């Protein structure tokens, strides 16, 4: 599976941000459990894209900016 450049760019930015959003939401009093569950589902879908790319031998991990904590999360989860 080879994702288009546009999809790769979107995944590069949206996946780490989704983790950041979920992390911040988990300590916010305005987010209900059902919203956290939805954010978890988004993150899982993003991570699935990384796993699919790795299995196809076209890993998206090198596109991530490793100074971003969300990118570190993505790398840690998908390389276990």
PDB file of N, CA and C in Angstrom:
ATOM      1  N   UNK A   1       0.849  -1.178   0.000  1.00  0.00           N
ATOM      2  CA  UNK A   1       0.000   0.000   0.000  1.00  0.00           C
ATOM      3  C   UNK A   1       0.881   1.222   0.000  1.00  0.00           C
ATOM      4  N   UNK A   2       0.637   2.088  -0.934  1.00  0.00           N
ATOM      5  CA  UNK A   2       1.385   3.324  -1.017  1.00  0.00           C
ATOM      6  C   UNK A   2       0.392   4.481  -0.955  1.00  0.00           C
ATOM      7  N   UNK A   3       0.459   5.272   0.098  1.00  0.00           N
ATOM      8  CA  UNK A   3      -0.439   6.408   0.249  1.00  0.00           C
ATOM      9  C   UNK A   3       0.043   7.560  -0.626  1.00  0.00           C
ATOM     10  N   UNK A   4      -0.892   8.333  -1.156  1.00  0.00           N
ATOM     11  CA  UNK A   4      -0.531   9.501  -1.962  1.00  0.00           C
ATOM     12  C   UNK A   4       0.213  10.509  -1.078  1.00  0.00           C
ATOM     13  N   UNK A   5       0.922  11.419  -1.717  1.00  0.00           N
ATOM     14  CA  UNK A   5       1.684  12.440  -0.973  1.00  0.00           C
ATOM     15  C   UNK A   5       0.767  13.281  -0.087  1.00  0.00           C
ATOM     16  N   UNK A   6      -0.412  13.596  -0.588  1.00  0.00           N
ATOM     17  CA  UNK A   6      -1.357  14.401   0.203  1.00  0.00           C
ATOM     18  C   UNK A   6      -1.786  13.652   1.449  1.00  0.00           C
ATOM     19  N   UNK A   7      -2.099  12.363   1.318  1.00  0.00           N
ATOM     20  CA  UNK A   7      -2.498  11.557   2.474  1.00  0.00           C
ATOM     21  C   UNK A   7      -1.323  11.419   3.437  1.00  0.00           C
ATOM     22  N   UNK A   8      -0.133  11.220   2.922  1.00  0.00           N
ATOM     23  CA  UNK A   8       1.048  11.116   3.782  1.00  0.00           C
ATOM     24  C   UNK A   8       1.245  12.390   4.589  1.00  0.00           C
ATOM     25  N   UNK A   9       1.096  13.547   3.951  1.00  0.00           N
ATOM     26  CA  UNK A   9       1.249  14.826   4.664  1.00  0.00           C
ATOM     27  C   UNK A   9       0.172  14.988   5.734  1.00  0.00           C
ATOM     28  N   UNK A  10      -1.047  14.591   5.385  1.00  0.00           N
ATOM     29  CA  UNK A  10      -2.135  14.698   6.354  1.00  0.00           C
ATOM     30  C   UNK A  10      -1.875  13.793   7.555  1.00  0.00           C
ATOM     31  N   UNK A  11      -1.467  12.556   7.306  1.00  0.00           N
ATOM     32  CA  UNK A  11      -1.167  11.634   8.402  1.00  0.00           C
ATOM     33  C   UNK A  11      -0.012  12.149   9.256  1.00  0.00           C
ATOM     34  N   UNK A  12       0.988  12.717   8.615  1.00  0.00           N
ATOM     35  CA  UNK A  12       2.169  13.246   9.324  1.00  0.00           C
ATOM     36  C   UNK A  12       1.766  14.299  10.351  1.00  0.00           C
ATOM     37  N   UNK A  13       0.798  15.122  10.009  1.00  0.00           N
ATOM     38  CA  UNK A  13       0.395  16.202  10.908  1.00  0.00           C
ATOM     39  C   UNK A  13      -0.776  15.822  11.813  1.00  0.00           C
ATOM     40  N   UNK A  14      -1.740  15.110  11.265  1.00  0.00           N
ATOM     41  CA  UNK A  14      -2.959  14.832  12.019  1.00  0.00           C
ATOM     42  C   UNK A  14      -2.788  13.760  13.092  1.00  0.00           C
ATOM     43  N   UNK A  15      -1.970  12.768  12.827  1.00  0.00           N
ATOM     44  CA  UNK A  15      -1.818  11.686  13.804  1.00  0.00           C
ATOM     45  C   UNK A  15      -1.191  12.177  15.106  1.00  0.00           C
ATOM     46  N   UNK A  16      -0.041  12.856  15.062  1.00  0.00           N
ATOM     47  CA  UNK A  16       0.516  13.363  16.326  1.00  0.00           C
ATOM     48  C   UNK A  16      -0.424  14.358  17.022  1.00  0.00           C
ATOM     49  N   UNK A  17      -1.108  15.183  16.224  1.00  0.00           N
ATOM     50  CA  UNK A  17      -2.032  16.146  16.820  1.00  0.00           C
ATOM     51  C   UNK A  17      -3.210  15.441  17.483  1.00  0.00           C
ATOM     52  N   UNK A  18      -3.689  14.381  16.882  1.00  0.00           N
ATOM     53  CA  UNK A  18      -4.791  13.619  17.479  1.00  0.00           C
ATOM     54  C   UNK A  18      -4.378  13.089  18.853  1.00  0.00           C
ATOM     55  N   UNK A  19      -3.134  12.613  18.953  1.00  0.00           N
ATOM     56  CA  UNK A  19      -2.646  12.142  20.252  1.00  0.00           C
ATOM     57  C   UNK A  19      -2.621  13.302  21.247  1.00  0.00           C
ATOM     58  N   UNK A  20      -2.113  14.462  20.822  1.00  0.00           N
ATOM     59  CA  UNK A  20      -2.042  15.631  21.693  1.00  0.00           C
ATOM     60  C   UNK A  20      -3.441  16.039  22.158  1.00  0.00           C
ATOM     61  N   UNK A  21      -4.374  16.071  21.215  1.00  0.00           N
ATOM     62  CA  UNK A  21      -5.750  16.433  21.558  1.00  0.00           C
ATOM     63  C   UNK A  21      -6.329  15.454  22.571  1.00  0.00           C
ATOM     64  N   UNK A  22      -6.108  14.176  22.366  1.00  0.00           N
ATOM     65  CA  UNK A  22      -6.622  13.155  23.287  1.00  0.00           C
ATOM     66  C   UNK A  22      -5.984  13.311  24.665  1.00  0.00           C
ATOM     67  N   UNK A  23      -4.688  13.566  24.677  1.00  0.00           N
ATOM     68  CA  UNK A  23      -3.971  13.740  25.942  1.00  0.00           C
ATOM     69  C   UNK A  23      -4.528  14.934  26.715  1.00  0.00           C
ATOM     70  N   UNK A  24      -4.738  16.031  26.039  1.00  0.00           N
ATOM     71  CA  UNK A  24      -5.275  17.227  26.693  1.00  0.00           C
ATOM     72  C   UNK A  24      -6.728  17.027  27.121  1.00  0.00           C
ATOM     73  N   UNK A  25      -7.494  16.344  26.297  1.00  0.00           N
ATOM     74  CA  UNK A  25      -8.903  16.103  26.611  1.00  0.00           C
ATOM     75  C   UNK A  25      -9.065  15.230  27.846  1.00  0.00           C
ATOM     76  N   UNK A  26      -8.106  14.343  28.062  1.00  0.00           N
ATOM     77  CA  UNK A  26      -8.229  13.423  29.200  1.00  0.00           C
ATOM     78  C   UNK A  26      -8.151  14.139  30.547  1.00  0.00           C
ATOM     79  N   UNK A  27      -7.614  15.342  30.572  1.00  0.00           N
ATOM     80  CA  UNK A  27      -7.530  16.094  31.829  1.00  0.00           C
ATOM     81  C   UNK A  27      -8.456  17.307  31.843  1.00  0.00           C
ATOM     82  N   UNK A  28      -9.234  17.452  30.792  1.00  0.00           N
ATOM     83  CA  UNK A  28     -10.144  18.587  30.702  1.00  0.00           C
ATOM     84  C   UNK A  28     -11.515  18.231  31.275  1.00  0.00           C
ATOM     85  N   UNK A  29     -12.086  19.110  32.070  1.00  0.00           N
ATOM     86  CA  UNK A  29     -13.403  18.818  32.649  1.00  0.00           C
ATOM     87  C   UNK A  29     -14.548  18.929  31.629  1.00  0.00           C
ATOM     88  N   UNK A  30     -14.306  19.473  30.450  1.00  0.00           N
ATOM     89  CA  UNK A  30     -15.393  19.644  29.478  1.00  0.00           C
ATOM     90  C   UNK A  30     -15.564  18.453  28.536  1.00  0.00           C
ATOM     91  N   UNK A  31     -14.650  17.491  28.582  1.00  0.00           N
ATOM     92  CA  UNK A  31     -14.761  16.322  27.719  1.00  0.00           C
ATOM     93  C   UNK A  31     -15.396  15.170  28.487  1.00  0.00           C
ATOM     94  N   UNK A  32     -16.435  14.605  27.894  1.00  0.00           N
ATOM     95  CA  UNK A  32     -17.091  13.441  28.474  1.00  0.00           C
ATOM     96  C   UNK A  32     -16.436  12.169  27.953  1.00  0.00           C
ATOM     97  N   UNK A  33     -16.663  11.088  28.666  1.00  0.00           N
ATOM     98  CA  UNK A  33     -16.083   9.795  28.300  1.00  0.00           C
ATOM     99  C   UNK A  33     -16.398   9.412  26.847  1.00  0.00           C
ATOM    100  N   UNK A  34     -17.607   9.717  26.376  1.00  0.00           N
ATOM    101  CA  UNK A  34     -17.975   9.348  25.005  1.00  0.00           C
ATOM    102  C   UNK A  34     -17.114  10.104  23.992  1.00  0.00           C
ATOM    103  N   UNK A  35     -16.706  11.338  24.319  1.00  0.00           N
ATOM    104  CA  UNK A  35     -15.833  12.084  23.416  1.00  0.00           C
ATOM    105  C   UNK A  35     -14.421  11.498  23.420  1.00  0.00           C
ATOM    106  N   UNK A  36     -13.986  11.069  24.585  1.00  0.00           N
ATOM    107  CA  UNK A  36     -12.666  10.443  24.666  1.00  0.00           C
ATOM    108  C   UNK A  36     -12.651   9.145  23.856  1.00  0.00           C
ATOM    109  N   UNK A  37     -13.743   8.411  23.907  1.00  0.00           N
ATOM    110  CA  UNK A  37     -13.846   7.176  23.129  1.00  0.00           C
ATOM    111  C   UNK A  37     -13.758   7.477  21.640  1.00  0.00           C
ATOM    112  N   UNK A  38     -14.393   8.537  21.214  1.00  0.00           N
ATOM    113  CA  UNK A  38     -14.337   8.933  19.802  1.00  0.00           C
ATOM    114  C   UNK A  38     -12.907   9.318  19.407  1.00  0.00           C
ATOM    115  N   UNK A  39     -12.240  10.066  20.260  1.00  0.00           N
ATOM    116  CA  UNK A  39     -10.844  10.425  19.979  1.00  0.00           C
ATOM    117  C   UNK A  39      -9.963   9.180  19.920  1.00  0.00           C
ATOM    118  N   UNK A  40     -10.216   8.231  20.798  1.00  0.00           N
ATOM    119  CA  UNK A  40      -9.469   6.970  20.771  1.00  0.00           C
ATOM    120  C   UNK A  40      -9.659   6.249  19.436  1.00  0.00           C
ATOM    121  N   UNK A  41     -10.886   6.265  18.924  1.00  0.00           N
ATOM    122  CA  UNK A  41     -11.166   5.622  17.639  1.00  0.00           C
ATOM    123  C   UNK A  41     -10.440   6.320  16.501  1.00  0.00           C
ATOM    124  N   UNK A  42     -10.365   7.652  16.546  1.00  0.00           N
ATOM    125  CA  UNK A  42      -9.617   8.399  15.525  1.00  0.00           C
ATOM    126  C   UNK A  42      -8.154   7.987  15.554  1.00  0.00           C
ATOM    127  N   UNK A  43      -7.583   7.968  16.751  1.00  0.00           N
ATOM    128  CA  UNK A  43      -6.168   7.616  16.873  1.00  0.00           C
ATOM    129  C   UNK A  43      -5.922   6.201  16.365  1.00  0.00           C
ATOM    130  N   UNK A  44      -6.798   5.284  16.713  1.00  0.00           N
ATOM    131  CA  UNK A  44      -6.632   3.905  16.235  1.00  0.00           C
ATOM    132  C   UNK A  44      -6.671   3.841  14.717  1.00  0.00           C
ATOM    133  N   UNK A  45      -7.545   4.609  14.096  1.00  0.00           N
ATOM    134  CA  UNK A  45      -7.626   4.622  12.633  1.00  0.00           C
ATOM    135  C   UNK A  45      -6.333   5.185  12.033  1.00  0.00           C
ATOM    136  N   UNK A  46      -5.831   6.251  12.606  1.00  0.00           N
ATOM    137  CA  UNK A  46      -4.563   6.811  12.127  1.00  0.00           C
ATOM    138  C   UNK A  46      -3.424   5.796  12.283  1.00  0.00           C
ATOM    139  N   UNK A  47      -3.373   5.159  13.445  1.00  0.00           N
ATOM    140  CA  UNK A  47      -2.309   4.184  13.691  1.00  0.00           C
ATOM    141  C   UNK A  47      -2.411   3.000  12.735  1.00  0.00           C
ATOM    142  N   UNK A  48      -3.626   2.619  12.384  1.00  0.00           N
ATOM    143  CA  UNK A  48      -3.810   1.545  11.408  1.00  0.00           C
ATOM    144  C   UNK A  48      -3.140   1.892  10.081  1.00  0.00           C
ATOM    145  N   UNK A  49      -3.215   3.145   9.680  1.00  0.00           N
ATOM    146  CA  UNK A  49      -2.556   3.568   8.438  1.00  0.00           C
ATOM    147  C   UNK A  49      -1.047   3.363   8.539  1.00  0.00           C
ATOM    148  N   UNK A  50      -0.481   3.682   9.679  1.00  0.00           N
ATOM    149  CA  UNK A  50       0.969   3.480   9.868  1.00  0.00           C
ATOM    150  C   UNK A  50       1.317   2.004   9.845  1.00  0.00           C
ATOM    151  N   UNK A  51       0.493   1.190  10.471  1.00  0.00           N
ATOM    152  CA  UNK A  51       0.752  -0.249  10.484  1.00  0.00           C
ATOM    153  C   UNK A  51       0.634  -0.857   9.090  1.00  0.00           C
ATOM    154  N   UNK A  52      -0.361  -0.434   8.338  1.00  0.00           N
ATOM    155  CA  UNK A  52      -0.542  -0.927   6.970  1.00  0.00           C
ATOM    156  C   UNK A  52       0.666  -0.546   6.120  1.00  0.00           C
ATOM    157  N   UNK A  53       1.123   0.687   6.258  1.00  0.00           N
ATOM    158  CA  UNK A  53       2.277   1.130   5.461  1.00  0.00           C
ATOM    159  C   UNK A  53       3.534   0.334   5.815  1.00  0.00           C
ATOM    160  N   UNK A  54       3.702   0.025   7.103  1.00  0.00           N
ATOM    161  CA  UNK A  54       4.871  -0.758   7.519  1.00  0.00           C
ATOM    162  C   UNK A  54       4.821  -2.171   6.945  1.00  0.00           C
ATOM    163  N   UNK A  55       3.658  -2.780   7.011  1.00  0.00           N
ATOM    164  CA  UNK A  55       3.516  -4.141   6.482  1.00  0.00           C
ATOM    165  C   UNK A  55       3.767  -4.202   4.985  1.00  0.00           C
ATOM    166  N   UNK A  56       3.480  -3.098   4.295  1.00  0.00           N
ATOM    167  CA  UNK A  56       3.685  -3.036   2.848  1.00  0.00           C
ATOM    168  C   UNK A  56       5.127  -2.660   2.492  1.00  0.00           C
ATOM    169  N   UNK A  57       5.948  -2.418   3.532  1.00  0.00           N
ATOM    170  CA  UNK A  57       7.342  -2.054   3.285  1.00  0.00           C
ATOM    171  C   UNK A  57       7.541  -0.598   2.885  1.00  0.00           C
ATOM    172  N   UNK A  58       6.545   0.239   3.137  1.00  0.00           N
ATOM    173  CA  UNK A  58       6.629   1.666   2.800  1.00  0.00           C
ATOM    174  C   UNK A  58       6.272   2.497   4.032  1.00  0.00           C
ATOM    175  N   UNK A  59       7.017   2.312   5.083  1.00  0.00           N
ATOM    176  CA  UNK A  59       6.721   2.921   6.376  1.00  0.00           C
ATOM    177  C   UNK A  59       6.584   4.439   6.286  1.00  0.00           C
ATOM    178  N   UNK A  60       5.575   4.943   6.970  1.00  0.00           N
ATOM    179  CA  UNK A  60       5.366   6.388   7.064  1.00  0.00           C
ATOM    180  C   UNK A  60       6.116   6.998   8.250  1.00  0.00           C
ATOM    181  N   UNK A  61       6.699   6.161   9.094  1.00  0.00           N
ATOM    182  CA  UNK A  61       7.379   6.678  10.295  1.00  0.00           C
ATOM    183  C   UNK A  61       8.483   7.685   9.988  1.00  0.00           C
ATOM    184  N   UNK A  62       9.271   7.493   8.923  1.00  0.00           N
ATOM    185  CA  UNK A  62      10.324   8.483   8.652  1.00  0.00           C
ATOM    186  C   UNK A  62       9.796   9.883   8.332  1.00  0.00           C
ATOM    187  N   UNK A  63       8.515  10.017   8.028  1.00  0.00           N
ATOM    188  CA  UNK A  63       7.964  11.343   7.721  1.00  0.00           C
ATOM    189  C   UNK A  63       7.663  12.156   8.978  1.00  0.00           C
ATOM    190  N   UNK A  64       7.616  11.494  10.129  1.00  0.00           N
ATOM    191  CA  UNK A  64       7.241  12.174  11.373  1.00  0.00           C
ATOM    192  C   UNK A  64       8.350  13.078  11.890  1.00  0.00           C
ATOM    193  N   UNK A  65       7.938  14.148  12.541  1.00  0.00           N
ATOM    194  CA  UNK A  65       8.867  15.077  13.191  1.00  0.00           C
ATOM    195  C   UNK A  65       9.086  14.587  14.615  1.00  0.00           C
ATOM    196  N   UNK A  66      10.229  13.991  14.872  1.00  0.00           N
ATOM    197  CA  UNK A  66      10.453  13.315  16.151  1.00  0.00           C
ATOM    198  C   UNK A  66      10.644  14.248  17.345  1.00  0.00           C
ATOM    199  N   UNK A  67      10.627  15.540  17.129  1.00  0.00           N
ATOM    200  CA  UNK A  67      10.675  16.454  18.273  1.00  0.00           C
ATOM    201  C   UNK A  67       9.276  16.666  18.858  1.00  0.00           C
ATOM    202  N   UNK A  68       8.283  16.087  18.231  1.00  0.00           N
ATOM    203  CA  UNK A  68       6.888  16.194  18.656  1.00  0.00           C
ATOM    204  C   UNK A  68       6.530  14.963  19.486  1.00  0.00           C
ATOM    205  N   UNK A  69       5.984  15.168  20.682  1.00  0.00           N
ATOM    206  CA  UNK A  69       5.636  14.042  21.560  1.00  0.00           C
ATOM    207  C   UNK A  69       4.612  13.122  20.912  1.00  0.00           C
ATOM    208  N   UNK A  70       3.705  13.673  20.118  1.00  0.00           N
ATOM    209  CA  UNK A  70       2.726  12.847  19.428  1.00  0.00           C
ATOM    210  C   UNK A  70       3.396  11.894  18.447  1.00  0.00           C
ATOM    211  N   UNK A  71       4.456  12.353  17.796  1.00  0.00           N
ATOM    212  CA  UNK A  71       5.206  11.504  16.869  1.00  0.00           C
ATOM    213  C   UNK A  71       5.929  10.388  17.610  1.00  0.00           C
ATOM    214  N   UNK A  72       6.418  10.708  18.781  1.00  0.00           N
ATOM    215  CA  UNK A  72       7.087   9.689  19.600  1.00  0.00           C
ATOM    216  C   UNK A  72       6.065   8.623  20.006  1.00  0.00           C
ATOM    217  N   UNK A  73       4.865   9.050  20.366  1.00  0.00           N
ATOM    218  CA  UNK A  73       3.802   8.109  20.696  1.00  0.00           C
ATOM    219  C   UNK A  73       3.510   7.185  19.507  1.00  0.00           C
ATOM    220  N   UNK A  74       3.332   7.753  18.326  1.00  0.00           N
ATOM    221  CA  UNK A  74       3.033   6.978  17.118  1.00  0.00           C
ATOM    222  C   UNK A  74       4.135   5.950  16.860  1.00  0.00           C
ATOM    223  N   UNK A  75       5.371   6.389  16.965  1.00  0.00           N
ATOM    224  CA  UNK A  75       6.498   5.490  16.727  1.00  0.00           C
ATOM    225  C   UNK A  75       6.533   4.370  17.761  1.00  0.00           C
ATOM    226  N   UNK A  76       6.334   4.728  18.997  1.00  0.00           N
ATOM    227  CA  UNK A  76       6.374   3.702  20.067  1.00  0.00           C
ATOM    228  C   UNK A  76       5.272   2.676  19.883  1.00  0.00           C
ATOM    229  N   UNK A  77       4.083   3.106  19.591  1.00  0.00           N
ATOM    230  CA  UNK A  77       2.951   2.184  19.459  1.00  0.00           C
ATOM    231  C   UNK A  77       3.089   1.297  18.229  1.00  0.00           C
ATOM    232  N   UNK A  78       3.561   1.849  17.141  1.00  0.00           N
ATOM    233  CA  UNK A  78       3.592   1.078  15.897  1.00  0.00           C
ATOM    234  C   UNK A  78       4.840   0.214  15.749  1.00  0.00           C
ATOM    235  N   UNK A  79       5.786   0.340  16.643  1.00  0.00           N
ATOM    236  CA  UNK A  79       6.985  -0.485  16.536  1.00  0.00           C
ATOM    237  C   UNK A  79       7.056  -1.548  17.622  1.00  0.00           C
ATOM    238  N   UNK A  80       6.028  -1.656  18.418  1.00  0.00           N
ATOM    239  CA  UNK A  80       5.994  -2.682  19.479  1.00  0.00           C
ATOM    240  C   UNK A  80       5.760  -4.031  18.867  1.00  0.00           C
TER     241      UNK A  80
END
